[in-house]
Amino acid sequence: MSRRLALGPIALYLAVSVAFLLLVPSFEAPDENSHYEYAILLARLGRAPQPGDRDPALVESVARLMLDRGHGLRVPGPTGDPIPAFNMELGRQPATFYFVPARLSQLVADSIDTQVRIMRLWSVALGLIVVLAAIVAGRFLARVDHIAGVVLPYVVATVPGFTFITGTINNDNLANAAAAIAFAGICIAIGTRAWRPWLLLVVGALVVGVAAKRTALTLVPGVLMAFLADVGMHGSRRRLAFAVLCLFVAAVLVHTVAVTEDDSRPISWRVAPTGTATRADDGLLGERAFLVRATTSIGRLTQVLAGDDVVRGGDRGLTAFAWMRASVPGESTVGGIELTQGGIATRSTAILDDRWRPIRIHFVPRGPDAVRVAIVAERGTLLADGIVVAADDRRGLPLASEPSVHAGTWDGRAFANLLANASAEVPRYGLHPELTRLVVALGVPVDALDAALSLSGWPSIDSPRTQFLVWFAFQSFIGRFGWLVLLLSDEVYQGCVILGAIAAAGVLWRLVTDPASRRWILVAGTIAGMTAVVAIGPFIIGLWGDEWPQGRYLYPALLPIAMLISLGLSAWIPRRRATAGPIVVVAIGIALQASAIFGTIVPHYRG
């Protein structure tokens, strides 16, 4: 691809991304208010903020701005009045992405709107890295198919949902940029027929992506599978052995970043060391350990417990511990969660989840010094199931008048105790713990394996619920704006379905008739397919309750998806139309972006 051709997707991307940056009001993107809060506190404190660092005045100023403008996602508050949705990112997200926005926020301190737009520039720059990586990938793809190589970066630059996210404050953007660099490294390795020199770039980029946001782990299984498959089909035995060794090195590096925890905080409810976490009666090891299933729902419950929707202010943030009523051993007793803030404790037999539906907490005594706790949602969805062990010589759980024994901020990060649970959760299915650790290291949550082995009655593909979730994921990949409530017209989505079907048919045709492009299709298809399975699949099968799959979870695999689209569409373009064909494809992409900006964004926010 010539330099002149490379300028086209760069200019197009910058024009659209900056348009979103300027046109979309502050905090009118998923969790942008929470990402803003994180960056501001990071700049103020000089360290990664924790839940106890939340500044009520900062939250109130952001909430007031959202309420005054009538924008933002609203949820019913405890009193029934609508309140702005405010995620608890503090203590949950790595600080990697936020360092630059934190610095940028210090340039202007008297206007929140100006701050937000300046901080968004970091996301625009990261999106530009994705486009540049697409240009690199397209250059090597052009050796097989010139049209596909030219079209590839334009496909990336014309996905409205992607450019919308790059115009907002969101740590997705660093994970997406790192993933794009990793895929560009794979393309260089294939194009130069040398995996070894570029492997370090691929692994390093994946580690950076995971350090930005743990959702980047969804890309790891597909990358490693594509790597092994490609080397296995095109390399010698020595190269294959080297690839297997690199597999384990990469898995260890990525897993280390994923499960790193800050143990300096005074947390009484903690993740037990490897091998001690268990839900079995004979595994009561450790002291004051609340050991739970590692699920995304745990993080959701944490957001409720630690959020201002429940308790405001406090020097350490919300602390929580379970309490139980007198009960007959062996019988289930409904109890509650004790919320302690500033020495004031309140009890409840039920709390509310993030949609303000009741959650029940069941307690089953396990001997004189322990109790099993199960937290169950309204429809029976299991949110947590663990053993609470009393400290020292105490029996049962601490009383309300003595909250300090088990009190502590519940972090709830899912990947933190995956390995801890692995050795205890899986042997009951007859699997070896080491296999489980490998699965975890590859980025597949233990619960996904658990569900695959134990759940029955998964929703069929033709059920209304499944169809809705698949359609929602597709829509939000193409583009759902604001807090995912602003849509393109139905005709636009339907047109994208038709284009996708044409591209899919072209890919299948190439697999059968074009050996030169087969290698690229298999690598890109493996990465894109595995990412979809890991990132979207759990939502579809109901593993994560009523959560809906957002298409942006697929953006770490945007480049391989765009490569498949480019190869598929170019299969139907005659070689004699090598100039007109790409122009038509690019024009369709530009029309798609124009529909998003002038058909949705401008009428809604500026009309």
Foldseek 3Di string as FASTA:
>chain_A
DDPVLLVVLLVLLLVLLLLLLPQPFQQLFPQLLQLLQQLQVCLVPVDGFALLSRDLVSVVVVFVVCVVVVAADWAQFPVRDTGHDHFNCRLQFFCLLRPVLSVQLVVDPPDPRVSFSSSLVSLSVLLSLLLVLLLLLLVLVCVQPVQLSSQLSLLSSLQQLSSNVSSGRDLLSLLLSLLSQLVSLVSVCVSVVHNVVSVVSNLVSLLRSCSSPVLSLLLLLLQLVLQLVLCVVPHDPVSNVVSVVVNVVSLVSNLCSNQDHDPPFPALADADPAPQFALDLVRPDDAQYWHKAQDVLLSQQLRQQQDVSVPDHANATKKKDWDFDDDDAPDKGWFFIWIAGPNDTDTDSWAATPNGFTKIWIWHDSPFFKIWIWIAGPVGQTRITGMGGHHDPDGGDDDSNDCPNNIGRDSSHRSNRQSNHQCHPPVVVVDHSVVSSSCVSSPAGPLVVVCVRDPPDFDDCPDPLLVVLVLLLQQLSSNQTRHSPWGFDPVLSVVVVVLVVQLVVQLVVCCVPPPSCVSLLSSLVSSQVSSCCRQRVCVSRCVNPPDGRGNSSSSSSSSSVSSSSSSSQVSPPDPVCSPVSSVVSSVSSVVSSCSCVVVISCVVRPD
